Amino acid sequence: MGDFLDLVKHRQSTRKYSDRPVAREHILKCIEAARLAPSASNSQPWKFIVVDNPELKLQVSKRTYDSVLKFNKFVDQAPVIIVITLEKEKAVTRLGRAVKNKEWRLMDVGIAAEHFCLQADELGLGTCMIGWFYEKEVKDLLSIPKEKSIALMISVGYPVEGYRIRGKSRKKPEDIISYNKY
């Protein structure tokens, strides 16, 4: 088993994909990693929709940008999009959400999504979490019930050869860590 921190350091958001197809076995392995993620009261409040039909995938990807906001246009290149919907959590978690005013489902989906992305990186796949999309249109395309909401989407594919952009700065440890008080 490799060093976990090395995997974390290697994983990055991919915004340039090759046209190499992604085997469903790889997608299933990534979803298995996400499925095993912890969640509040073990609610597992997620459903993963794998969009790998090329025509449908392109229709969905085109709902992540428009003529003015084009920053997600790279999603068109990805051979797969994972759409994660928010599902009902356990009653105890709903009660806790109401009392504490915390949306644990979003935290849970974030943890599961990161598990997915780390597993994908280990398989040589690139991913990018997509938070900007036209939800109603995506829901219509994928027949997602009106009462459900989409938490986020993940583009998945093999990065183009030589794609590395790591070099983005991160805050220094001393800027984000304190002990025993703020």
Protein backbone atom coordinates (compact mmCIF):
# COMPACT_ATOMS: atom_id res chain seq x y z
CA MET A 1 0.00 0.00 0.00
CA GLY A 2 1.35 3.41 -0.94
CA ASP A 3 1.60 6.45 1.24
CA PHE A 4 -1.79 8.15 1.60
CA LEU A 5 -0.32 11.65 1.69
CA ASP A 6 1.40 10.98 -1.66
CA LEU A 7 -2.01 10.11 -3.16
CA VAL A 8 -3.54 13.29 -1.71
CA LYS A 9 -0.66 15.38 -3.05
CA HIS A 10 -1.00 13.81 -6.50
CA ARG A 11 -4.78 14.22 -6.84
CA GLN A 12 -5.86 17.42 -8.53
CA SER A 13 -8.81 18.73 -10.49
CA THR A 14 -8.49 17.69 -14.12
CA ARG A 15 -9.74 20.06 -16.79
CA LYS A 16 -8.25 18.45 -19.91
CA TYR A 17 -9.35 14.92 -20.77
CA SER A 18 -8.25 12.50 -23.46
CA ASP A 19 -10.87 10.67 -25.49
CA ARG A 20 -9.82 7.32 -23.98
CA PRO A 21 -12.91 5.53 -22.66
CA VAL A 22 -13.22 4.67 -18.97
CA ALA A 23 -14.01 1.07 -18.09
CA ARG A 24 -17.14 0.63 -16.02
CA GLU A 25 -15.14 -1.55 -13.63
CA HIS A 26 -13.08 1.53 -12.75
CA ILE A 27 -16.21 3.61 -12.18
CA LEU A 28 -17.66 0.86 -9.99
CA LYS A 29 -14.46 0.72 -7.94
CA CYS A 30 -14.64 4.49 -7.41
CA ILE A 31 -18.29 4.25 -6.37
CA GLU A 32 -17.39 1.43 -3.99
CA ALA A 33 -14.84 3.73 -2.34
CA ALA A 34 -17.52 6.44 -2.08
CA ARG A 35 -20.11 3.96 -0.79
CA LEU A 36 -17.82 3.09 2.11
CA ALA A 37 -17.45 6.73 3.19
CA PRO A 38 -18.69 7.67 6.65
CA SER A 39 -21.94 9.57 7.00
CA ALA A 40 -23.94 11.04 9.86
CA SER A 41 -25.84 8.23 11.61
CA ASN A 42 -24.73 6.03 8.70
CA SER A 43 -27.49 7.59 6.60
CA GLN A 44 -25.56 7.26 3.33
CA PRO A 45 -27.68 10.08 1.84
CA TRP A 46 -26.48 9.74 -1.75
CA LYS A 47 -27.25 8.16 -5.08
CA PHE A 48 -24.70 8.03 -7.89
CA ILE A 49 -25.92 8.39 -11.46
CA VAL A 50 -23.27 7.31 -13.97
CA VAL A 51 -23.70 9.21 -17.21
CA ASP A 52 -21.57 7.45 -19.83
CA ASN A 53 -23.82 7.41 -22.88
CA PRO A 54 -21.90 9.84 -25.14
CA GLU A 55 -24.93 11.76 -26.42
CA LEU A 56 -26.57 12.07 -23.02
CA LYS A 57 -23.23 12.88 -21.38
CA LEU A 58 -22.76 15.77 -23.82
CA GLN A 59 -26.27 17.06 -23.11
CA VAL A 60 -25.56 16.98 -19.37
CA SER A 61 -22.12 18.58 -19.76
CA LYS A 62 -23.65 21.45 -21.72
CA ARG A 63 -25.75 22.22 -18.60
CA THR A 64 -22.56 23.06 -16.65
CA TYR A 65 -21.88 26.29 -18.55
CA ASP A 66 -23.53 28.83 -20.81
CA SER A 67 -22.54 31.48 -23.35
CA VAL A 68 -21.32 33.85 -20.63
CA LEU A 69 -20.03 31.52 -17.90
CA LYS A 70 -17.79 29.11 -19.80
CA PHE A 71 -15.46 27.94 -17.02
CA ASN A 72 -16.89 24.39 -17.06
CA LYS A 73 -16.72 23.90 -20.84
CA PHE A 74 -13.95 21.32 -20.28
CA VAL A 75 -16.64 18.93 -18.97
CA ASP A 76 -17.57 18.28 -22.63
CA GLN A 77 -14.26 16.36 -22.98
CA ALA A 78 -14.84 14.00 -20.04
CA PRO A 79 -16.15 10.58 -21.09
CA VAL A 80 -18.11 10.13 -17.85
CA ILE A 81 -20.05 12.39 -15.51
CA ILE A 82 -21.15 11.23 -12.08
CA VAL A 83 -24.23 13.02 -10.77
CA ILE A 84 -24.71 12.71 -7.02
CA THR A 85 -28.18 13.31 -5.66
CA LEU A 86 -29.06 14.05 -2.06
CA GLU A 87 -31.19 11.30 -0.60
CA LYS A 88 -33.23 11.07 2.58
CA GLU A 89 -31.21 10.75 5.76
CA LYS A 90 -32.20 8.79 8.85
CA ALA A 91 -34.77 10.33 11.20
CA VAL A 92 -32.18 10.95 13.92
CA THR A 93 -30.03 12.87 11.43
CA ARG A 94 -33.03 14.94 10.27
CA LEU A 95 -33.78 15.76 13.91
CA GLY A 96 -30.16 16.72 14.51
CA ARG A 97 -30.18 18.90 11.39
CA ALA A 98 -33.24 20.75 12.65
CA VAL A 99 -31.85 21.22 16.16
CA LYS A 100 -28.28 22.12 15.16
CA ASN A 101 -29.03 23.80 11.82
CA LYS A 102 -26.34 21.72 10.08
CA GLU A 103 -26.79 20.13 6.67
CA TRP A 104 -24.88 16.92 7.35
CA ARG A 105 -25.98 15.42 4.03
CA LEU A 106 -23.82 17.94 2.17
CA MET A 107 -20.85 17.12 4.38
CA ASP A 108 -21.49 13.41 3.86
CA VAL A 109 -21.66 13.78 0.08
CA GLY A 110 -18.45 15.81 0.15
CA ILE A 111 -16.66 13.02 2.00
CA ALA A 112 -18.03 10.38 -0.38
CA ALA A 113 -17.08 12.49 -3.41
CA GLU A 114 -13.51 12.85 -2.17
CA HIS A 115 -13.30 9.08 -1.59
CA PHE A 116 -14.46 8.68 -5.21
CA CYS A 117 -11.86 11.13 -6.50
CA LEU A 118 -8.97 9.65 -4.53
CA GLN A 119 -9.83 6.15 -5.77
CA ALA A 120 -10.03 7.51 -9.32
CA ASP A 121 -6.59 9.07 -9.00
CA GLU A 122 -5.14 5.77 -7.80
CA LEU A 123 -6.56 4.19 -10.99
CA GLY A 124 -4.92 6.86 -13.17
CA LEU A 125 -8.16 8.74 -13.77
CA GLY A 126 -8.67 12.46 -13.50
CA THR A 127 -11.68 14.05 -11.86
CA CYS A 128 -13.14 17.46 -11.21
CA MET A 129 -15.97 18.20 -8.82
CA ILE A 130 -18.57 20.39 -10.49
CA GLY A 131 -20.77 22.60 -8.33
CA TRP A 132 -21.98 24.98 -11.04
CA PHE A 133 -24.72 23.51 -13.22
CA TYR A 134 -28.30 24.12 -14.24
CA GLU A 135 -30.00 21.72 -11.86
CA LYS A 136 -33.52 21.68 -13.27
CA GLU A 137 -32.26 20.95 -16.77
CA VAL A 138 -29.94 18.17 -15.55
CA LYS A 139 -32.77 16.68 -13.48
CA ASP A 140 -35.03 16.70 -16.54
CA LEU A 141 -32.38 15.03 -18.70
CA LEU A 142 -31.78 12.26 -16.15
CA SER A 143 -35.40 11.81 -14.96
CA ILE A 144 -34.46 12.77 -11.42
CA PRO A 145 -37.63 13.24 -9.32
CA LYS A 146 -38.56 16.86 -8.64
CA GLU A 147 -38.27 16.43 -4.86
CA LYS A 148 -34.64 15.32 -5.14
CA SER A 149 -31.73 17.70 -5.46
CA ILE A 150 -28.32 17.32 -7.03
CA ALA A 151 -25.47 17.89 -4.57
CA LEU A 152 -22.69 17.93 -7.15
CA MET A 153 -21.33 16.32 -10.25
CA ILE A 154 -17.90 14.85 -10.97
CA SER A 155 -16.30 14.76 -14.41
CA VAL A 156 -14.20 11.61 -14.91
CA GLY A 157 -11.70 10.56 -17.54
CA TYR A 158 -8.06 10.08 -18.34
CA PRO A 159 -6.11 13.35 -18.31
CA VAL A 160 -4.37 14.28 -21.54
CA GLU A 161 -0.77 13.09 -21.57
CA GLY A 162 1.52 15.29 -19.51
CA TYR A 163 -1.34 17.11 -17.76
CA ARG A 164 -0.14 18.44 -14.43
CA ILE A 165 -1.08 21.80 -13.02
CA ARG A 166 -0.20 21.21 -9.40
CA GLY A 167 1.64 24.23 -8.30
CA LYS A 168 -1.39 26.05 -7.07
CA SER A 169 -0.45 27.54 -3.78
CA ARG A 170 -1.82 26.30 -0.51
CA LYS A 171 -1.99 28.27 2.69
CA LYS A 172 0.91 27.74 5.06
CA PRO A 173 0.25 25.42 8.01
CA GLU A 174 0.72 28.26 10.47
CA ASP A 175 -2.05 30.19 8.69
CA ILE A 176 -4.63 27.44 9.19
CA ILE A 177 -3.67 25.75 12.46
CA SER A 178 -4.15 26.88 16.04
CA TYR A 179 -4.06 24.90 19.25
CA ASN A 180 -6.55 25.15 22.09
CA LYS A 181 -7.99 28.50 20.98
CA TYR A 182 -8.79 30.35 17.77
